[in-house]
Amino acid sequence: MKIALMDSGIGLLAAAAAVRRARPDADLVLSSDPESMPWGPRTADDITAHALACAKAAGAHEPDALIVACNTASVHALAALREELEPDLPVIGTVPAVKPAAQGGGPVAVWATPATTGSPYQRRLIADFGREAQFTEVPCHGLADAVETAQEHAIDVAVGAAADLTPSGVRAVVLGCTHYELVGERIRAALTDADGAPPVLFGSADAVAAQALRRIGTAPDPGAAPTGGLTVLLGGSAARLPEVANTYAEGRLLAGAPVTP
C-alpha cells in the first residue's frame, strides 16, 4: 500500500502523520515545492500548474491514492487534478472542517490564510454546512510562512495577532490551513482564558487520511507492523525530509520511517 501527499510545503506533515498512525505499514510519498511558496497570492491557473507538477511527480511513484494536503490547492486545483489523474489514481482533497465544528453549535472561529478568509469558497462552506452556528472568519497573517520556517517568534506573533481577532468565548476553531495543525496546541493555548475551557480545534488531517483508506478499499490498522517507507520529493526531485520538519511532532514521527529512494 502506498499513499502520496502533496502540498506547497510542510503543511502535508499533519495528514502524512495521520496516515502513518492509521497504517504504519503504508509507504508514503511526500511531494512539495517549497521554492514556489506561498501559493495563496498566485492566480488560480498558476496554483493549478504547481499542484499538477507536484501531483505528477508523486504519481510517477505509482501510489494507490493521492491526498491534496493543502487547502489552497484543493480550492483552486482539485477539479483539474481529478480530471488529469482519476480514475487511475484516486484524489482526495482537503476541506476545512466547518461541518463537524458546527454540529456542537457556536460560536465558531475559522482561522485561514488572508487569501482564503472571506473568499466565496469559504463563505459557501459556512452557508452550506454552518447550520445555525455563529461563525467568525479570522485571517492569520504570516502564520503559514512562520510555521513553514519554524521561526518561533514569528509563530508566536502570528498566533497572537489571530487570537486578538478571535471573539472571546469561542467554542471551536476550524483550522483552515494544513500548516496550522502543526501548531495546534499553541493556538489552543492562545485562545484559552484563565477562567474558561479551551476551544476544540477542528483540523482535516484525520478525516483525509480516513478518506484515502476508504478510497483504496482498506481500513485503519494502527497495530500493523511499522514497515512503511518514506519517499520525499522537493520540486520533483528526490530529497530528504527537510530539517525543519523535525521541529514538529508530526515530522519526528515520519522521520522514524525508513527512507526509500
Protein backbone atom coordinates (compact mmCIF):
# COMPACT_ATOMS: atom_id res chain seq x y z
CA MET A 1 0.00 0.00 0.00
CA LYS A 2 1.36 3.40 -1.00
CA ILE A 3 -0.25 6.77 -0.35
CA ALA A 4 1.06 10.04 -1.76
CA LEU A 5 0.52 13.52 -0.35
CA MET A 6 1.19 16.89 -1.94
CA ASP A 7 1.37 20.47 -0.68
CA SER A 8 3.38 23.59 -1.32
CA GLY A 9 5.47 22.88 1.79
CA ILE A 10 5.43 21.05 5.12
CA GLY A 11 1.70 21.52 5.68
CA LEU A 12 1.36 17.94 4.42
CA LEU A 13 3.07 16.63 7.57
CA ALA A 14 -0.15 16.57 9.61
CA ALA A 15 -2.04 14.39 7.12
CA ALA A 16 1.02 12.23 6.48
CA ALA A 17 1.38 11.59 10.21
CA ALA A 18 -2.34 10.73 10.39
CA VAL A 19 -1.86 8.13 7.65
CA ARG A 20 1.24 6.81 9.41
CA ARG A 21 -0.69 6.39 12.67
CA ALA A 22 -3.60 4.70 10.92
CA ARG A 23 -1.45 2.40 8.77
CA PRO A 24 2.15 2.09 9.95
CA ASP A 25 2.69 -0.39 7.14
CA ALA A 26 1.82 2.06 4.34
CA ASP A 27 4.55 3.56 2.18
CA LEU A 28 4.30 7.34 1.93
CA VAL A 29 5.33 9.69 -0.88
CA LEU A 30 5.57 13.36 0.12
CA SER A 31 5.68 15.77 -2.83
CA SER A 32 6.07 19.51 -2.27
CA ASP A 33 7.59 22.58 -3.89
CA PRO A 34 8.69 24.97 -1.14
CA GLU A 35 10.56 27.16 -3.63
CA SER A 36 7.20 28.21 -5.09
CA MET A 37 5.65 29.22 -1.76
CA PRO A 38 3.35 30.86 -0.96
CA TRP A 39 0.63 29.61 -3.29
CA GLY A 40 -2.16 31.73 -1.81
CA PRO A 41 -1.32 35.00 -3.64
CA ARG A 42 -0.86 33.23 -7.01
CA THR A 43 -3.53 33.09 -9.70
CA ALA A 44 -5.77 30.02 -9.88
CA ASP A 45 -4.06 28.91 -13.10
CA ASP A 46 -0.61 29.25 -11.53
CA ILE A 47 -1.67 27.32 -8.42
CA THR A 48 -3.10 24.60 -10.63
CA ALA A 49 0.14 24.35 -12.62
CA HIS A 50 2.24 23.96 -9.46
CA ALA A 51 -0.21 21.48 -7.95
CA LEU A 52 -0.22 19.38 -11.12
CA ALA A 53 3.57 19.33 -11.15
CA CYS A 54 3.69 18.09 -7.54
CA ALA A 55 0.95 15.54 -8.22
CA LYS A 56 2.60 14.16 -11.34
CA ALA A 57 5.94 13.83 -9.53
CA ALA A 58 4.19 11.80 -6.85
CA GLY A 59 2.22 9.83 -9.44
CA ALA A 60 5.44 8.61 -11.02
CA HIS A 61 5.92 6.51 -7.86
CA GLU A 62 2.64 4.71 -8.55
CA PRO A 63 0.74 5.38 -5.32
CA ASP A 64 -2.68 3.92 -4.64
CA ALA A 65 -4.14 7.33 -3.69
CA LEU A 66 -3.13 10.99 -3.63
CA ILE A 67 -4.06 13.36 -0.80
CA VAL A 68 -4.08 17.04 -1.72
CA ALA A 69 -2.94 18.15 1.73
CA CYS A 70 -3.37 21.84 1.00
CA ASN A 71 -6.50 23.95 1.33
CA THR A 72 -5.41 26.42 -1.35
CA ALA A 73 -4.68 23.68 -3.89
CA SER A 74 -7.95 21.95 -3.04
CA VAL A 75 -9.89 25.16 -3.68
CA HIS A 76 -8.25 26.02 -7.00
CA ALA A 77 -6.84 22.83 -8.47
CA LEU A 78 -8.82 19.82 -7.22
CA ALA A 79 -11.05 19.59 -10.30
CA ALA A 80 -8.04 19.76 -12.63
CA LEU A 81 -6.15 17.17 -10.59
CA ARG A 82 -9.08 14.76 -10.69
CA GLU A 83 -9.56 15.30 -14.41
CA GLU A 84 -5.89 14.55 -15.02
CA LEU A 85 -5.38 11.62 -12.64
CA GLU A 86 -8.67 9.85 -11.95
CA PRO A 87 -9.92 7.16 -12.19
CA ASP A 88 -6.46 5.54 -12.23
CA LEU A 89 -5.37 7.47 -9.12
CA PRO A 90 -7.97 8.48 -6.52
CA VAL A 91 -7.51 12.13 -5.47
CA ILE A 92 -8.65 13.26 -2.01
CA GLY A 93 -9.00 16.98 -1.34
CA THR A 94 -8.77 18.86 1.94
CA VAL A 95 -11.83 20.80 3.08
CA PRO A 96 -11.93 22.93 6.26
CA ALA A 97 -13.89 21.08 8.95
CA VAL A 98 -16.77 23.58 9.05
CA LYS A 99 -19.49 20.91 9.13
CA PRO A 100 -18.26 18.94 12.18
CA ALA A 101 -17.35 22.15 14.01
CA ALA A 102 -20.89 23.47 13.56
CA GLN A 103 -22.56 20.36 14.94
CA GLY A 104 -21.92 21.42 18.52
CA GLY A 105 -23.28 24.91 17.98
CA GLY A 106 -21.44 28.21 18.10
CA PRO A 107 -19.67 30.42 18.39
CA VAL A 108 -17.02 29.07 15.97
CA ALA A 109 -13.95 30.76 14.51
CA VAL A 110 -12.34 29.79 11.21
CA TRP A 111 -8.62 30.51 11.09
CA ALA A 112 -7.38 30.66 7.50
CA THR A 113 -4.90 32.45 5.29
CA PRO A 114 -5.81 36.02 4.29
CA ALA A 115 -6.40 34.79 0.72
CA THR A 116 -8.96 32.23 1.89
CA THR A 117 -10.65 34.34 4.56
CA GLY A 118 -13.77 35.92 3.13
CA SER A 119 -13.40 34.01 -0.14
CA PRO A 120 -16.54 32.79 -1.93
CA TYR A 121 -15.35 29.23 -1.30
CA GLN A 122 -15.14 29.61 2.47
CA ARG A 123 -18.34 31.66 2.67
CA ARG A 124 -20.14 28.92 0.71
CA LEU A 125 -18.88 26.25 3.10
CA ILE A 126 -20.17 28.20 6.07
CA ALA A 127 -23.52 28.88 4.37
CA ASP A 128 -23.98 25.23 3.34
CA PHE A 129 -22.72 23.46 6.46
CA GLY A 130 -22.60 26.03 9.24
CA ARG A 131 -26.11 25.20 10.46
CA GLU A 132 -27.19 27.88 12.94
CA ALA A 133 -23.75 28.29 14.50
CA GLN A 134 -22.26 31.77 14.63
CA PHE A 135 -19.05 31.87 12.58
CA THR A 136 -16.23 34.41 12.63
CA GLU A 137 -13.61 34.33 9.87
CA VAL A 138 -10.13 35.12 11.14
CA PRO A 139 -7.27 35.98 8.74
CA CYS A 140 -3.96 34.63 10.02
CA HIS A 141 -1.33 36.92 8.55
CA GLY A 142 2.07 35.28 8.20
CA LEU A 143 1.23 32.15 10.19
CA ALA A 144 1.70 29.59 7.41
CA ASP A 145 5.05 31.12 6.45
CA ALA A 146 6.20 31.16 10.07
CA VAL A 147 5.24 27.50 10.52
CA GLU A 148 6.99 26.58 7.26
CA THR A 149 10.27 28.06 8.50
CA ALA A 150 9.72 27.16 12.18
CA GLN A 151 10.52 30.70 13.31
CA GLU A 152 9.37 30.53 16.91
CA HIS A 153 8.97 34.26 17.48
CA ALA A 154 7.14 34.74 14.19
CA ILE A 155 4.77 31.89 15.06
CA ASP A 156 4.03 33.47 18.45
CA VAL A 157 3.40 36.87 16.86
CA ALA A 158 1.12 35.46 14.13
CA VAL A 159 -0.83 33.27 16.57
CA GLY A 160 -1.20 36.17 18.99
CA ALA A 161 -2.44 38.52 16.28
CA ALA A 162 -5.04 35.99 15.09
CA ALA A 163 -6.09 35.31 18.69
CA ASP A 164 -6.69 39.06 19.16
CA LEU A 165 -9.08 38.95 16.18
CA THR A 166 -10.95 35.95 17.58
CA PRO A 167 -14.02 36.70 19.73
CA SER A 168 -13.67 35.58 23.33
CA GLY A 169 -15.60 32.50 24.33
CA VAL A 170 -15.44 30.65 21.01
CA ARG A 171 -16.39 27.02 21.47
CA ALA A 172 -14.48 25.70 18.47
CA VAL A 173 -11.82 26.76 15.99
CA VAL A 174 -11.60 25.40 12.45
CA LEU A 175 -8.02 25.23 11.22
CA GLY A 176 -8.44 26.24 7.60
CA CYS A 177 -4.81 25.76 6.56
CA THR A 178 -2.94 22.48 6.90
CA HIS A 179 0.13 24.27 8.27
CA TYR A 180 -1.86 25.40 11.31
CA GLU A 181 -2.40 21.85 12.52
CA LEU A 182 1.32 21.61 13.27
CA VAL A 183 0.96 24.31 15.95
CA GLY A 184 -2.49 23.39 17.19
CA GLU A 185 -1.57 23.34 20.86
CA ARG A 186 -0.08 26.81 20.65
CA ILE A 187 -3.28 28.05 19.03
CA ARG A 188 -5.38 26.41 21.72
CA ALA A 189 -3.22 27.93 24.48
CA ALA A 190 -3.51 31.41 22.97
CA LEU A 191 -7.30 31.15 22.97
CA THR A 192 -7.77 29.71 26.45
CA ASP A 193 -8.99 32.23 29.02
CA ALA A 194 -7.90 31.84 32.62
CA ASP A 195 -11.45 31.02 33.67
CA GLY A 196 -12.62 29.27 30.51
CA ALA A 197 -12.34 25.89 28.87
CA PRO A 198 -10.02 25.62 25.86
CA PRO A 199 -11.75 25.63 22.48
CA VAL A 200 -12.00 22.43 20.46
CA LEU A 201 -9.77 22.50 17.38
CA PHE A 202 -11.06 21.01 14.14
CA GLY A 203 -8.40 20.06 11.61
CA SER A 204 -8.66 17.93 8.48
CA ALA A 205 -5.73 15.52 8.76
CA ASP A 206 -7.51 12.55 10.32
CA ALA A 207 -10.50 12.91 8.00
CA VAL A 208 -8.48 12.96 4.78
CA ALA A 209 -6.36 10.04 5.97
CA ALA A 210 -9.50 8.02 6.66
CA GLN A 211 -10.99 9.00 3.30
CA ALA A 212 -7.82 7.93 1.46
CA LEU A 213 -8.00 4.50 3.07
CA ARG A 214 -11.69 4.20 2.17
CA ARG A 215 -10.99 5.13 -1.44
CA ILE A 216 -8.47 2.33 -1.81
CA GLY A 217 -10.72 -0.17 -0.05
CA THR A 218 -8.79 -0.74 3.14
CA ALA A 219 -9.30 0.02 6.82
CA PRO A 220 -7.16 1.60 9.54
CA ASP A 221 -4.87 -0.80 11.35
CA PRO A 222 -2.81 1.15 13.89
CA GLY A 223 -1.30 -2.09 15.18
CA ALA A 224 0.18 -3.08 11.82
CA ALA A 225 3.91 -3.68 11.63
CA PRO A 226 5.76 -0.34 11.18
CA THR A 227 7.24 -1.31 7.83
CA GLY A 228 6.10 1.70 5.77
CA GLY A 229 8.77 3.57 3.86
CA LEU A 230 9.08 7.28 3.14
CA THR A 231 9.88 8.96 -0.17
CA VAL A 232 10.37 12.73 -0.20
CA LEU A 233 10.20 14.84 -3.37
CA LEU A 234 11.08 18.54 -3.37
CA GLY A 235 10.31 20.24 -6.67
CA GLY A 236 10.03 16.80 -8.23
CA SER A 237 13.50 15.64 -7.16
CA ALA A 238 14.30 13.00 -4.55
CA ALA A 239 15.35 14.57 -1.25
CA ARG A 240 15.44 14.09 2.48
CA LEU A 241 12.72 15.26 4.82
CA PRO A 242 13.54 18.96 5.41
CA GLU A 243 15.36 19.54 8.70
CA VAL A 244 12.67 21.98 9.75
CA ALA A 245 10.18 19.09 9.83
CA ASN A 246 11.85 17.78 12.97
CA THR A 247 10.61 20.88 14.80
CA TYR A 248 7.14 19.34 14.85
CA ALA A 249 5.90 16.09 16.41
CA GLU A 250 4.44 15.00 13.08
CA GLY A 251 7.78 15.41 11.35
CA ARG A 252 9.60 13.48 14.05
CA LEU A 253 7.09 10.64 13.71
CA LEU A 254 7.73 10.44 9.98
CA ALA A 255 11.49 10.76 10.39
CA GLY A 256 11.45 7.41 12.17
CA ALA A 257 10.37 5.68 8.95
CA PRO A 258 12.90 4.04 6.62
CA VAL A 259 13.72 6.36 3.72
CA THR A 260 13.35 4.98 0.21
CA PRO A 261 14.98 6.30 -2.97
